[in-house]
C-alpha atoms as a PDB file:
ATOM      1  CA  MET A   1      71.642 -11.798   3.421  1.00  0.00           C
ATOM      2  CA  THR A   2      70.395 -11.163   6.920  1.00  0.00           C
ATOM      3  CA  ASP A   3      72.627  -8.485   8.497  1.00  0.00           C
ATOM      4  CA  ASN A   4      75.001  -9.127   5.593  1.00  0.00           C
ATOM      5  CA  LYS A   5      76.137 -12.370   7.212  1.00  0.00           C
ATOM      6  CA  PRO A   6      77.358 -15.030   4.751  1.00  0.00           C
ATOM      7  CA  LYS A   7      74.957 -17.980   4.642  1.00  0.00           C
ATOM      8  CA  ILE A   8      76.201 -21.540   5.081  1.00  0.00           C
ATOM      9  CA  LEU A   9      74.025 -24.571   4.329  1.00  0.00           C
ATOM     10  CA  ILE A  10      75.182 -27.753   6.093  1.00  0.00           C
ATOM     11  CA  ILE A  11      73.920 -31.058   4.632  1.00  0.00           C
ATOM     12  CA  GLU A  12      74.940 -33.661   7.204  1.00  0.00           C
ATOM     13  CA  ASP A  13      73.057 -36.727   8.488  1.00  0.00           C
ATOM     14  CA  ASP A  14      75.094 -37.113  11.693  1.00  0.00           C
ATOM     15  CA  LEU A  15      73.023 -34.984  14.067  1.00  0.00           C
ATOM     16  CA  ASP A  16      75.904 -34.435  16.491  1.00  0.00           C
ATOM     17  CA  VAL A  17      78.233 -33.214  13.740  1.00  0.00           C
ATOM     18  CA  ALA A  18      75.492 -31.054  12.221  1.00  0.00           C
ATOM     19  CA  GLU A  19      74.718 -29.417  15.555  1.00  0.00           C
ATOM     20  CA  MET A  20      78.380 -28.861  16.365  1.00  0.00           C
ATOM     21  CA  LEU A  21      79.015 -27.181  12.994  1.00  0.00           C
ATOM     22  CA  ASN A  22      75.839 -25.131  13.341  1.00  0.00           C
ATOM     23  CA  ALA A  23      76.886 -23.782  16.711  1.00  0.00           C
ATOM     24  CA  TYR A  24      80.520 -23.224  15.692  1.00  0.00           C
ATOM     25  CA  PHE A  25      79.839 -21.272  12.508  1.00  0.00           C
ATOM     26  CA  ARG A  26      77.135 -19.165  14.144  1.00  0.00           C
ATOM     27  CA  VAL A  27      79.715 -18.059  16.713  1.00  0.00           C
ATOM     28  CA  GLN A  28      82.047 -17.228  13.790  1.00  0.00           C
ATOM     29  CA  GLY A  29      79.452 -14.788  12.464  1.00  0.00           C
ATOM     30  CA  TYR A  30      77.724 -16.846   9.772  1.00  0.00           C
ATOM     31  CA  GLU A  31      74.032 -17.450   9.228  1.00  0.00           C
ATOM     32  CA  VAL A  32      73.724 -21.244   9.298  1.00  0.00           C
ATOM     33  CA  PHE A  33      71.074 -23.664   8.021  1.00  0.00           C
ATOM     34  CA  THR A  34      71.223 -27.436   8.505  1.00  0.00           C
ATOM     35  CA  VAL A  35      69.425 -30.367   6.859  1.00  0.00           C
ATOM     36  CA  ASN A  36      70.023 -34.095   7.227  1.00  0.00           C
ATOM     37  CA  TRP A  37      68.910 -35.526   3.875  1.00  0.00           C
ATOM     38  CA  GLY A  38      70.193 -35.007   0.342  1.00  0.00           C
ATOM     39  CA  GLU A  39      66.833 -34.189  -1.213  1.00  0.00           C
ATOM     40  CA  ASP A  40      66.206 -31.629   1.531  1.00  0.00           C
ATOM     41  CA  GLY A  41      69.621 -30.173   0.818  1.00  0.00           C
ATOM     42  CA  VAL A  42      68.844 -29.633  -2.859  1.00  0.00           C
ATOM     43  CA  ARG A  43      65.532 -27.952  -2.021  1.00  0.00           C
ATOM     44  CA  SER A  44      67.048 -25.823   0.736  1.00  0.00           C
ATOM     45  CA  CYS A  45      69.827 -24.617  -1.542  1.00  0.00           C
ATOM     46  CA  GLN A  46      67.217 -23.386  -4.010  1.00  0.00           C
ATOM     47  CA  THR A  47      65.203 -21.532  -1.348  1.00  0.00           C
ATOM     48  CA  VAL A  48      67.861 -20.346   1.129  1.00  0.00           C
ATOM     49  CA  HIS A  49      70.365 -19.260  -1.583  1.00  0.00           C
ATOM     50  CA  PRO A  50      73.445 -19.970   0.577  1.00  0.00           C
ATOM     51  CA  ASP A  51      76.851 -18.483  -0.084  1.00  0.00           C
ATOM     52  CA  LEU A  52      78.477 -21.880   0.590  1.00  0.00           C
ATOM     53  CA  VAL A  53      77.438 -25.519   1.113  1.00  0.00           C
ATOM     54  CA  ILE A  54      79.166 -28.001   3.444  1.00  0.00           C
ATOM     55  CA  LEU A  55      78.089 -31.370   2.067  1.00  0.00           C
ATOM     56  CA  ASP A  56      78.515 -34.848   3.535  1.00  0.00           C
ATOM     57  CA  ILE A  57      78.961 -37.528   0.872  1.00  0.00           C
ATOM     58  CA  ARG A  58      77.293 -40.355   2.812  1.00  0.00           C
ATOM     59  CA  LEU A  59      73.635 -39.408   3.235  1.00  0.00           C
ATOM     60  CA  PRO A  60      70.581 -41.610   3.942  1.00  0.00           C
ATOM     61  CA  ASP A  61      68.797 -41.015   0.610  1.00  0.00           C
ATOM     62  CA  ILE A  62      70.818 -39.680  -2.331  1.00  0.00           C
ATOM     63  CA  ASP A  63      74.562 -39.352  -1.805  1.00  0.00           C
ATOM     64  CA  GLY A  64      76.527 -36.123  -1.771  1.00  0.00           C
ATOM     65  CA  TYR A  65      77.793 -36.670  -5.306  1.00  0.00           C
ATOM     66  CA  GLU A  66      74.223 -36.652  -6.604  1.00  0.00           C
ATOM     67  CA  VAL A  67      73.399 -33.568  -4.537  1.00  0.00           C
ATOM     68  CA  ALA A  68      76.424 -31.789  -6.038  1.00  0.00           C
ATOM     69  CA  ARG A  69      75.465 -32.838  -9.581  1.00  0.00           C
ATOM     70  CA  ARG A  70      71.975 -31.404  -9.149  1.00  0.00           C
ATOM     71  CA  LEU A  71      73.276 -28.160  -7.686  1.00  0.00           C
ATOM     72  CA  ARG A  72      75.770 -27.732 -10.511  1.00  0.00           C
ATOM     73  CA  SER A  73      73.147 -28.436 -13.182  1.00  0.00           C
ATOM     74  CA  ASP A  74      70.686 -25.834 -11.834  1.00  0.00           C
ATOM     75  CA  ARG A  75      71.326 -22.263 -12.951  1.00  0.00           C
ATOM     76  CA  ARG A  76      70.218 -20.947  -9.542  1.00  0.00           C
ATOM     77  CA  THR A  77      72.805 -22.970  -7.627  1.00  0.00           C
ATOM     78  CA  ALA A  78      75.516 -23.678 -10.211  1.00  0.00           C
ATOM     79  CA  GLU A  79      78.029 -21.211  -8.761  1.00  0.00           C
ATOM     80  CA  VAL A  80      77.574 -21.958  -5.044  1.00  0.00           C
ATOM     81  CA  PRO A  81      80.881 -23.196  -3.525  1.00  0.00           C
ATOM     82  CA  ILE A  82      80.690 -26.771  -2.203  1.00  0.00           C
ATOM     83  CA  ILE A  83      83.009 -28.272   0.420  1.00  0.00           C
ATOM     84  CA  PHE A  84      82.701 -32.052   0.692  1.00  0.00           C
ATOM     85  CA  LEU A  85      82.810 -33.475   4.214  1.00  0.00           C
ATOM     86  CA  THR A  86      83.317 -37.230   4.294  1.00  0.00           C
ATOM     87  CA  GLU A  87      84.979 -40.263   5.803  1.00  0.00           C
ATOM     88  CA  LYS A  88      86.184 -41.399   2.386  1.00  0.00           C
ATOM     89  CA  ARG A  89      89.910 -40.939   1.870  1.00  0.00           C
ATOM     90  CA  ASP A  90      90.667 -42.605  -1.476  1.00  0.00           C
ATOM     91  CA  ARG A  91      92.095 -40.359  -4.173  1.00  0.00           C
ATOM     92  CA  SER A  92      89.418 -41.586  -6.595  1.00  0.00           C
ATOM     93  CA  ASP A  93      86.676 -40.402  -4.223  1.00  0.00           C
ATOM     94  CA  ARG A  94      88.322 -37.025  -3.906  1.00  0.00           C
ATOM     95  CA  LEU A  95      88.712 -36.679  -7.664  1.00  0.00           C
ATOM     96  CA  GLN A  96      85.110 -37.699  -8.232  1.00  0.00           C
ATOM     97  CA  GLY A  97      83.954 -34.899  -5.967  1.00  0.00           C
ATOM     98  CA  LEU A  98      86.232 -32.326  -7.555  1.00  0.00           C
ATOM     99  CA  GLU A  99      85.240 -33.358 -11.073  1.00  0.00           C
ATOM    100  CA  ILE A 100      81.580 -32.820 -10.218  1.00  0.00           C
ATOM    101  CA  GLY A 101      82.480 -29.277  -9.293  1.00  0.00           C
ATOM    102  CA  ALA A 102      83.226 -29.286  -5.568  1.00  0.00           C
ATOM    103  CA  ASP A 103      85.535 -26.495  -4.464  1.00  0.00           C
ATOM    104  CA  ASP A 104      87.220 -28.353  -1.623  1.00  0.00           C
ATOM    105  CA  TYR A 105      87.261 -31.634   0.283  1.00  0.00           C
ATOM    106  CA  ILE A 106      87.932 -32.475   3.921  1.00  0.00           C
ATOM    107  CA  THR A 107      87.848 -35.894   5.595  1.00  0.00           C
ATOM    108  CA  LYS A 108      86.511 -36.962   8.981  1.00  0.00           C
ATOM    109  CA  PRO A 109      87.690 -36.753  11.664  1.00  0.00           C
ATOM    110  CA  PHE A 110      88.473 -33.154  10.776  1.00  0.00           C
ATOM    111  CA  ASP A 111      90.016 -30.149  12.479  1.00  0.00           C
ATOM    112  CA  VAL A 112      87.244 -27.581  12.769  1.00  0.00           C
ATOM    113  CA  GLN A 113      89.806 -24.771  12.553  1.00  0.00           C
ATOM    114  CA  GLU A 114      90.994 -26.163   9.221  1.00  0.00           C
ATOM    115  CA  LEU A 115      87.395 -26.348   8.015  1.00  0.00           C
ATOM    116  CA  ARG A 116      86.850 -22.731   9.103  1.00  0.00           C
ATOM    117  CA  LEU A 117      89.848 -21.615   7.024  1.00  0.00           C
ATOM    118  CA  ARG A 118      88.648 -23.587   4.014  1.00  0.00           C
ATOM    119  CA  VAL A 119      85.225 -21.970   4.320  1.00  0.00           C
ATOM    120  CA  ARG A 120      86.786 -18.534   4.586  1.00  0.00           C
ATOM    121  CA  ASN A 121      89.033 -19.129   1.559  1.00  0.00           C
ATOM    122  CA  ALA A 122      86.176 -20.490  -0.567  1.00  0.00           C
ATOM    123  CA  LEU A 123      84.025 -17.449   0.201  1.00  0.00           C
ATOM    124  CA  LYS A 124      86.967 -15.166  -0.541  1.00  0.00           C
ATOM    125  CA  ARG A 125      87.471 -16.831  -3.930  1.00  0.00           C
ATOM    126  CA  VAL A 126      83.813 -16.229  -4.748  1.00  0.00           C
ATOM    127  CA  SER A 127      84.079 -12.546  -3.843  1.00  0.00           C
ATOM    128  CA  GLN A 128      87.111 -12.247  -6.148  1.00  0.00           C
ATOM    129  CA  GLY A 129      85.723 -14.545  -8.829  1.00  0.00           C
ATOM    130  CA  SER A 130      84.972 -11.811 -11.330  1.00  0.00           C
ATOM    131  CA  LEU A 131      88.457 -10.345 -10.925  1.00  0.00           C
ATOM    132  CA  THR A 132      90.943 -13.214 -10.697  1.00  0.00           C
ATOM    133  CA  ASN A 133      91.110 -16.769 -11.975  1.00  0.00           C
ATOM    134  CA  PRO A 134      90.733 -19.209  -9.022  1.00  0.00           C
ATOM    135  CA  VAL A 135      93.428 -21.565 -10.386  1.00  0.00           C
ATOM    136  CA  THR A 136      96.159 -19.179 -11.586  1.00  0.00           C
ATOM    137  CA  GLY A 137      95.329 -16.059  -9.578  1.00  0.00           C
ATOM    138  CA  LEU A 138      95.704 -13.988 -12.759  1.00  0.00           C
ATOM    139  CA  PRO A 139      93.321 -11.161 -13.671  1.00  0.00           C
ATOM    140  CA  GLU A 140      90.204 -12.023 -15.661  1.00  0.00           C
ATOM    141  CA  GLY A 141      86.787 -10.600 -16.365  1.00  0.00           C
ATOM    142  CA  ALA A 142      86.436  -6.945 -15.421  1.00  0.00           C
ATOM    143  CA  LEU A 143      90.169  -6.426 -14.833  1.00  0.00           C
ATOM    144  CA  VAL A 144      91.045  -7.656 -18.328  1.00  0.00           C
ATOM    145  CA  ASP A 145      88.269  -5.569 -19.896  1.00  0.00           C
ATOM    146  CA  GLU A 146      89.547  -2.525 -18.023  1.00  0.00           C
ATOM    147  CA  LYS A 147      93.087  -3.060 -19.303  1.00  0.00           C
ATOM    148  CA  LEU A 148      91.958  -3.562 -22.904  1.00  0.00           C
ATOM    149  CA  SER A 149      89.748  -0.466 -22.745  1.00  0.00           C
ATOM    150  CA  GLU A 150      92.769   1.491 -21.534  1.00  0.00           C
ATOM    151  CA  VAL A 151      95.026   0.503 -24.453  1.00  0.00           C
ATOM    152  CA  ILE A 152      92.593   0.037 -27.364  1.00  0.00           C
ATOM    153  CA  GLY A 153      93.394   2.238 -30.339  1.00  0.00           C
ATOM    154  CA  LYS A 154      96.748   3.273 -28.901  1.00  0.00           C
ATOM    155  CA  ASP A 155     100.023   3.197 -30.746  1.00  0.00           C
ATOM    156  CA  GLY A 156     102.913   1.178 -29.329  1.00  0.00           C
ATOM    157  CA  VAL A 157     100.736  -1.637 -27.955  1.00  0.00           C
ATOM    158  CA  ALA A 158     100.736  -5.275 -29.119  1.00  0.00           C
ATOM    159  CA  LEU A 159      98.890  -8.392 -28.004  1.00  0.00           C
ATOM    160  CA  LEU A 160      99.997 -11.986 -27.633  1.00  0.00           C
ATOM    161  CA  PHE A 161      97.361 -14.703 -27.200  1.00  0.00           C
ATOM    162  CA  VAL A 162      98.256 -18.055 -25.618  1.00  0.00           C
ATOM    163  CA  SER A 163      95.562 -20.727 -25.955  1.00  0.00           C
ATOM    164  CA  ILE A 164      95.457 -24.274 -24.580  1.00  0.00           C
ATOM    165  CA  ASP A 165      93.669 -26.672 -26.925  1.00  0.00           C
ATOM    166  CA  ASN A 166      92.109 -30.020 -25.929  1.00  0.00           C
ATOM    167  CA  MET A 167      91.959 -29.269 -22.207  1.00  0.00           C
ATOM    168  CA  VAL A 168      88.496 -30.844 -22.029  1.00  0.00           C
ATOM    169  CA  SER A 169      89.847 -34.157 -23.357  1.00  0.00           C
ATOM    170  CA  PHE A 170      92.750 -33.988 -20.916  1.00  0.00           C
ATOM    171  CA  ARG A 171      90.401 -33.309 -17.987  1.00  0.00           C
ATOM    172  CA  GLU A 172      88.156 -36.215 -18.950  1.00  0.00           C
ATOM    173  CA  ALA A 173      91.153 -38.551 -19.069  1.00  0.00           C
ATOM    174  CA  TYR A 174      93.129 -37.405 -16.021  1.00  0.00           C
ATOM    175  CA  GLY A 175      90.735 -35.442 -13.856  1.00  0.00           C
ATOM    176  CA  PHE A 176      90.060 -32.025 -12.460  1.00  0.00           C
ATOM    177  CA  VAL A 177      93.195 -31.787 -10.314  1.00  0.00           C
ATOM    178  CA  ALA A 178      95.578 -32.687 -13.151  1.00  0.00           C
ATOM    179  CA  SER A 179      94.019 -30.186 -15.554  1.00  0.00           C
ATOM    180  CA  ASP A 180      94.320 -27.428 -12.954  1.00  0.00           C
ATOM    181  CA  ASP A 181      97.981 -28.368 -12.511  1.00  0.00           C
ATOM    182  CA  VAL A 182      98.498 -27.931 -16.261  1.00  0.00           C
ATOM    183  CA  LEU A 183      96.817 -24.520 -16.263  1.00  0.00           C
ATOM    184  CA  ARG A 184      98.862 -23.413 -13.271  1.00  0.00           C
ATOM    185  CA  ALA A 185     102.138 -24.667 -14.771  1.00  0.00           C
ATOM    186  CA  ILE A 186     101.554 -22.907 -18.091  1.00  0.00           C
ATOM    187  CA  SER A 187     100.681 -19.661 -16.332  1.00  0.00           C
ATOM    188  CA  LEU A 188     103.937 -19.859 -14.339  1.00  0.00           C
ATOM    189  CA  MET A 189     105.939 -20.475 -17.515  1.00  0.00           C
ATOM    190  CA  ILE A 190     104.392 -17.390 -19.089  1.00  0.00           C
ATOM    191  CA  ILE A 191     105.058 -15.304 -15.961  1.00  0.00           C
ATOM    192  CA  ASN A 192     108.704 -16.437 -15.752  1.00  0.00           C
ATOM    193  CA  THR A 193     109.285 -15.759 -19.456  1.00  0.00           C
ATOM    194  CA  MET A 194     107.780 -12.296 -19.106  1.00  0.00           C
ATOM    195  CA  ARG A 195     110.178 -11.560 -16.244  1.00  0.00           C
ATOM    196  CA  GLU A 196     113.082 -12.277 -18.575  1.00  0.00           C
ATOM    197  CA  VAL A 197     111.848 -10.380 -21.625  1.00  0.00           C
ATOM    198  CA  SER A 198     109.109  -7.914 -20.701  1.00  0.00           C
ATOM    199  CA  ARG A 199     108.758  -4.806 -18.571  1.00  0.00           C
ATOM    200  CA  PRO A 200     107.194  -4.946 -15.080  1.00  0.00           C
ATOM    201  CA  GLU A 201     104.195  -2.925 -16.316  1.00  0.00           C
ATOM    202  CA  ASP A 202     103.312  -5.410 -19.105  1.00  0.00           C
ATOM    203  CA  PHE A 203     100.025  -7.210 -18.529  1.00  0.00           C
ATOM    204  CA  LEU A 204      98.990 -10.882 -18.352  1.00  0.00           C
ATOM    205  CA  GLY A 205      95.424 -12.061 -17.808  1.00  0.00           C
ATOM    206  CA  HIS A 206      92.745 -14.538 -18.889  1.00  0.00           C
ATOM    207  CA  ILE A 207      90.352 -14.001 -21.788  1.00  0.00           C
ATOM    208  CA  SER A 208      88.784 -17.338 -20.834  1.00  0.00           C
ATOM    209  CA  GLY A 209      89.694 -20.227 -18.545  1.00  0.00           C
ATOM    210  CA  THR A 210      92.217 -21.654 -21.036  1.00  0.00           C
ATOM    211  CA  ASP A 211      93.071 -18.503 -23.026  1.00  0.00           C
ATOM    212  CA  PHE A 212      95.671 -15.972 -21.875  1.00  0.00           C
ATOM    213  CA  ILE A 213      96.259 -12.467 -23.203  1.00  0.00           C
ATOM    214  CA  LEU A 214      99.478 -10.477 -22.884  1.00  0.00           C
ATOM    215  CA  VAL A 215      99.618  -6.718 -23.450  1.00  0.00           C
ATOM    216  CA  LEU A 216     103.117  -5.495 -24.262  1.00  0.00           C
ATOM    217  CA  PRO A 217     105.089  -3.199 -26.613  1.00  0.00           C
ATOM    218  CA  PRO A 218     105.621  -4.433 -30.198  1.00  0.00           C
ATOM    219  CA  SER A 219     109.396  -4.334 -29.643  1.00  0.00           C
ATOM    220  CA  ASN A 220     109.136  -7.220 -27.156  1.00  0.00           C
ATOM    221  CA  LEU A 221     106.612  -9.279 -29.085  1.00  0.00           C
ATOM    222  CA  ALA A 222     108.946 -11.395 -31.225  1.00  0.00           C
ATOM    223  CA  ALA A 223     111.410 -12.287 -28.467  1.00  0.00           C
ATOM    224  CA  LEU A 224     108.724 -13.156 -25.945  1.00  0.00           C
ATOM    225  CA  GLY A 225     106.689 -15.148 -28.456  1.00  0.00           C
ATOM    226  CA  GLU A 226     109.678 -17.209 -29.552  1.00  0.00           C
ATOM    227  CA  LYS A 227     110.817 -18.010 -26.005  1.00  0.00           C
ATOM    228  CA  LEU A 228     107.296 -19.046 -25.042  1.00  0.00           C
ATOM    229  CA  ARG A 229     106.860 -21.255 -28.113  1.00  0.00           C
ATOM    230  CA  VAL A 230     110.053 -23.154 -27.356  1.00  0.00           C
ATOM    231  CA  ARG A 231     109.329 -23.615 -23.664  1.00  0.00           C
ATOM    232  CA  LEU A 232     105.708 -24.607 -24.044  1.00  0.00           C
ATOM    233  CA  ASP A 233     106.394 -27.009 -26.923  1.00  0.00           C
ATOM    234  CA  GLN A 234     109.060 -28.732 -24.842  1.00  0.00           C
ATOM    235  CA  SER A 235     106.824 -28.999 -21.787  1.00  0.00           C
ATOM    236  CA  VAL A 236     103.540 -30.386 -23.123  1.00  0.00           C
ATOM    237  CA  GLU A 237     104.525 -34.059 -23.121  1.00  0.00           C
ATOM    238  CA  TYR A 238     105.538 -33.900 -19.452  1.00  0.00           C
ATOM    239  CA  PHE A 239     101.962 -33.115 -18.431  1.00  0.00           C
ATOM    240  CA  TYR A 240     101.114 -36.731 -19.292  1.00  0.00           C
ATOM    241  CA  PRO A 241     101.996 -39.844 -17.274  1.00  0.00           C
ATOM    242  CA  ILE A 242     105.066 -41.592 -18.677  1.00  0.00           C
ATOM    243  CA  LYS A 243     103.032 -44.600 -19.830  1.00  0.00           C
ATOM    244  CA  ASP A 244     100.839 -42.383 -22.048  1.00  0.00           C
ATOM    245  CA  ARG A 245     103.384 -40.032 -23.593  1.00  0.00           C
ATOM    246  CA  GLU A 246     104.200 -42.009 -26.726  1.00  0.00           C
ATOM    247  CA  GLN A 247     100.539 -42.649 -27.516  1.00  0.00           C
ATOM    248  CA  MET A 248      99.460 -39.056 -26.852  1.00  0.00           C
ATOM    249  CA  ALA A 249     102.251 -37.658 -29.034  1.00  0.00           C
ATOM    250  CA  LYS A 250     100.348 -39.076 -32.034  1.00  0.00           C
ATOM    251  CA  SER A 251      96.851 -38.219 -30.840  1.00  0.00           C
ATOM    252  CA  ARG A 252      94.703 -35.439 -32.269  1.00  0.00           C
ATOM    253  CA  ASN A 253      93.340 -34.931 -28.731  1.00  0.00           C
ATOM    254  CA  ARG A 254      96.790 -34.144 -27.358  1.00  0.00           C
ATOM    255  CA  LEU A 255      97.232 -30.949 -25.372  1.00  0.00           C
ATOM    256  CA  ASN A 256      98.429 -28.214 -27.663  1.00  0.00           C
ATOM    257  CA  VAL A 257      99.441 -24.650 -26.833  1.00  0.00           C
ATOM    258  CA  LYS A 258      98.929 -22.099 -29.614  1.00  0.00           C
ATOM    259  CA  LEU A 259     100.288 -18.559 -29.808  1.00  0.00           C
ATOM    260  CA  ALA A 260      98.880 -15.759 -31.949  1.00  0.00           C
ATOM    261  CA  GLU A 261     100.040 -12.168 -32.282  1.00  0.00           C
ATOM    262  CA  VAL A 262      98.422  -8.811 -32.942  1.00  0.00           C
ATOM    263  CA  ALA A 263     101.335  -6.504 -33.721  1.00  0.00           C
ATOM    264  CA  SER A 264      99.430  -3.232 -33.230  1.00  0.00           C
ATOM    265  CA  LEU A 265      96.166  -2.087 -31.673  1.00  0.00           C
ATOM    266  CA  LYS A 266      96.183   1.263 -33.439  1.00  0.00           C
ATOM    267  CA  ASP A 267      93.360   1.523 -36.031  1.00  0.00           C
ATOM    268  CA  ASN A 268      92.605  -2.224 -35.806  1.00  0.00           C
ATOM    269  CA  PHE A 269      89.911  -2.300 -33.104  1.00  0.00           C
ATOM    270  CA  THR A 270      87.259   0.066 -31.825  1.00  0.00           C
ATOM    271  CA  ASP A 271      85.996  -1.968 -28.848  1.00  0.00           C
ATOM    272  CA  ILE A 272      87.172  -4.852 -26.685  1.00  0.00           C
ATOM    273  CA  ASN A 273      84.622  -7.315 -28.084  1.00  0.00           C
ATOM    274  CA  GLN A 274      86.400  -7.054 -31.434  1.00  0.00           C
ATOM    275  CA  ILE A 275      89.614  -8.116 -29.716  1.00  0.00           C
ATOM    276  CA  LYS A 276      87.900 -11.181 -28.244  1.00  0.00           C
ATOM    277  CA  THR A 277      86.403 -12.022 -31.634  1.00  0.00           C
ATOM    278  CA  GLU A 278      89.868 -11.781 -33.142  1.00  0.00           C
ATOM    279  CA  LEU A 279      91.129 -14.309 -30.599  1.00  0.00           C
ATOM    280  CA  VAL A 280      88.472 -16.791 -31.719  1.00  0.00           C
ATOM    281  CA  ARG A 281      89.442 -16.214 -35.364  1.00  0.00           C
ATOM    282  CA  LEU A 282      93.157 -16.641 -34.696  1.00  0.00           C
ATOM    283  CA  LYS A 283      92.567 -19.886 -32.771  1.00  0.00           C
ATOM    284  CA  LYS A 284      90.869 -21.389 -35.806  1.00  0.00           C
END
């Protein structure tokens, strides 16, 4: 990055809006690039390597949805945050953008101060992406590995895995926003149960997007596991719309939360990859 300034690529066919955003974000300390066509936007993203893209949906050649699809399918641009900028207000339009992989969505006419905050927050999430999950805010990646490395082989340490099955089917049926709501709700149930049963120093994080890991003493394992099983089993049906609950109760694609325990880390594992392999085995 030039002078370490974050780069923003603006793909906007309204020249007045594009120029206004260009000038505004330059004053805010960003390095800004603007293009007016979707195809140019895809090419520019591959050459400029922006830290964030502001993308209008209504463009003169390919629309913003197609631009986003291409960016998400290219390894070089798959992780770039995208904020959709559009006149469309329907919930279905918003969900379509989010399902493609957009990070945020703002409609015209917009408050430029609100857009600035959304840009700032999206860039902040990227900088923290390897440390915390963007939906739940819980530790993941390097923070989880660090915790497991700290306790591996020690006596008096147990693990509890909580895994959400069939989230992909749920997301396909109800959308990106609803699936994030499920993930967030389950994480809050785990946190609240830990407050009742566990110690403040016990650990909760993500092994993957839909897999949680708890690090706690063996003495708390049974009580915490039982409380979580009851609460999660009672809650799953309420993630579905009322009209679908009876049908989904009989479906093999129904959301299902599984718990698995490792009662002791002592002498069972020599590295953290073995712990992750054990999670895969226990899920099956």
